[in-house]
Amino acid sequence: MKPADLIGAAGATSIQQRLAALTADDGVARYLLDRLTGEQVAAITAALLKAPGIEAQLKIAMP
């Protein structure tokens, strides 16, 4: 496992936990992956896209 894979798993888990805690009254949230390398952002994004059922809750925009 590469370091970026570990960061990807940790970042994706953090975002998944926040999504799981949402209520019907919550609005839209924006998560910025600031101060990370492109490889780290890609690893988090890839981990999120592999998670079942998450893609319906996400809109991912990358430069």
C-alpha atoms as a PDB file:
ATOM      1  CA  MET A   1       0.000   0.000   0.000  1.00  0.00           C
ATOM      2  CA  LYS A   2       1.330   3.412  -0.959  1.00  0.00           C
ATOM      3  CA  PRO A   3       1.069   6.412   1.400  1.00  0.00           C
ATOM      4  CA  ALA A   4      -1.448   8.037  -0.964  1.00  0.00           C
ATOM      5  CA  ASP A   5      -3.684   4.958  -0.674  1.00  0.00           C
ATOM      6  CA  LEU A   6      -3.700   5.289   3.103  1.00  0.00           C
ATOM      7  CA  ILE A   7      -4.507   9.001   2.864  1.00  0.00           C
ATOM      8  CA  GLY A   8      -7.231   8.160   0.337  1.00  0.00           C
ATOM      9  CA  ALA A   9      -8.827   5.626   2.656  1.00  0.00           C
ATOM     10  CA  ALA A  10      -8.670   7.985   5.642  1.00  0.00           C
ATOM     11  CA  GLY A  11     -10.033  10.954   3.692  1.00  0.00           C
ATOM     12  CA  ALA A  12     -12.842   8.929   2.159  1.00  0.00           C
ATOM     13  CA  THR A  13     -13.796   7.488   5.552  1.00  0.00           C
ATOM     14  CA  SER A  14     -13.939  10.973   7.057  1.00  0.00           C
ATOM     15  CA  ILE A  15     -16.224  12.242   4.297  1.00  0.00           C
ATOM     16  CA  GLN A  16     -18.401   9.097   4.475  1.00  0.00           C
ATOM     17  CA  GLN A  17     -18.878   9.595   8.219  1.00  0.00           C
ATOM     18  CA  ARG A  18     -19.953  13.189   7.653  1.00  0.00           C
ATOM     19  CA  LEU A  19     -22.382  12.114   4.932  1.00  0.00           C
ATOM     20  CA  ALA A  20     -23.843   9.423   7.186  1.00  0.00           C
ATOM     21  CA  ALA A  21     -24.555  12.030   9.872  1.00  0.00           C
ATOM     22  CA  LEU A  22     -26.630  14.248   7.563  1.00  0.00           C
ATOM     23  CA  THR A  23     -30.292  14.798   8.313  1.00  0.00           C
ATOM     24  CA  ALA A  24     -33.135  15.684   5.953  1.00  0.00           C
ATOM     25  CA  ASP A  25     -32.878  19.316   7.100  1.00  0.00           C
ATOM     26  CA  ASP A  26     -29.222  19.624   6.103  1.00  0.00           C
ATOM     27  CA  GLY A  27     -28.395  21.443   2.915  1.00  0.00           C
ATOM     28  CA  VAL A  28     -25.474  21.181   0.546  1.00  0.00           C
ATOM     29  CA  ALA A  29     -21.937  20.907   1.902  1.00  0.00           C
ATOM     30  CA  ARG A  30     -18.717  21.661   0.129  1.00  0.00           C
ATOM     31  CA  TYR A  31     -15.534  19.824   1.038  1.00  0.00           C
ATOM     32  CA  LEU A  32     -12.283  21.331  -0.155  1.00  0.00           C
ATOM     33  CA  LEU A  33      -9.263  19.066  -0.232  1.00  0.00           C
ATOM     34  CA  ASP A  34      -6.758  21.855   0.309  1.00  0.00           C
ATOM     35  CA  ARG A  35      -3.003  21.449   0.769  1.00  0.00           C
ATOM     36  CA  LEU A  36      -2.984  17.922  -0.620  1.00  0.00           C
ATOM     37  CA  THR A  37      -1.058  16.705  -3.629  1.00  0.00           C
ATOM     38  CA  GLY A  38      -2.846  15.716  -6.803  1.00  0.00           C
ATOM     39  CA  GLU A  39      -2.063  12.070  -6.053  1.00  0.00           C
ATOM     40  CA  GLN A  40      -3.654  12.371  -2.602  1.00  0.00           C
ATOM     41  CA  VAL A  41      -6.795  14.063  -3.955  1.00  0.00           C
ATOM     42  CA  ALA A  42      -7.071  11.394  -6.643  1.00  0.00           C
ATOM     43  CA  ALA A  43      -6.722   8.650  -4.011  1.00  0.00           C
ATOM     44  CA  ILE A  44      -9.511  10.135  -1.872  1.00  0.00           C
ATOM     45  CA  THR A  45     -11.729  10.563  -4.923  1.00  0.00           C
ATOM     46  CA  ALA A  46     -11.079   7.003  -6.103  1.00  0.00           C
ATOM     47  CA  ALA A  47     -11.857   5.609  -2.647  1.00  0.00           C
ATOM     48  CA  LEU A  48     -15.125   7.556  -2.513  1.00  0.00           C
ATOM     49  CA  LEU A  49     -16.188   6.369  -5.961  1.00  0.00           C
ATOM     50  CA  LYS A  50     -15.592   2.742  -4.929  1.00  0.00           C
ATOM     51  CA  ALA A  51     -17.846   3.069  -1.867  1.00  0.00           C
ATOM     52  CA  PRO A  52     -21.321   1.610  -2.506  1.00  0.00           C
ATOM     53  CA  GLY A  53     -24.155   4.141  -2.543  1.00  0.00           C
ATOM     54  CA  ILE A  54     -21.942   7.186  -2.032  1.00  0.00           C
ATOM     55  CA  GLU A  55     -21.868   8.402  -5.637  1.00  0.00           C
ATOM     56  CA  ALA A  56     -25.534   9.455  -5.424  1.00  0.00           C
ATOM     57  CA  GLN A  57     -24.625  11.879  -2.628  1.00  0.00           C
ATOM     58  CA  LEU A  58     -21.586  13.404  -4.324  1.00  0.00           C
ATOM     59  CA  LYS A  59     -20.750  15.789  -7.089  1.00  0.00           C
ATOM     60  CA  ILE A  60     -17.010  15.761  -7.595  1.00  0.00           C
ATOM     61  CA  ALA A  61     -15.272  18.620  -9.388  1.00  0.00           C
ATOM     62  CA  MET A  62     -11.529  18.567  -9.913  1.00  0.00           C
ATOM     63  CA  PRO A  63      -9.385  21.049 -11.841  1.00  0.00           C
END
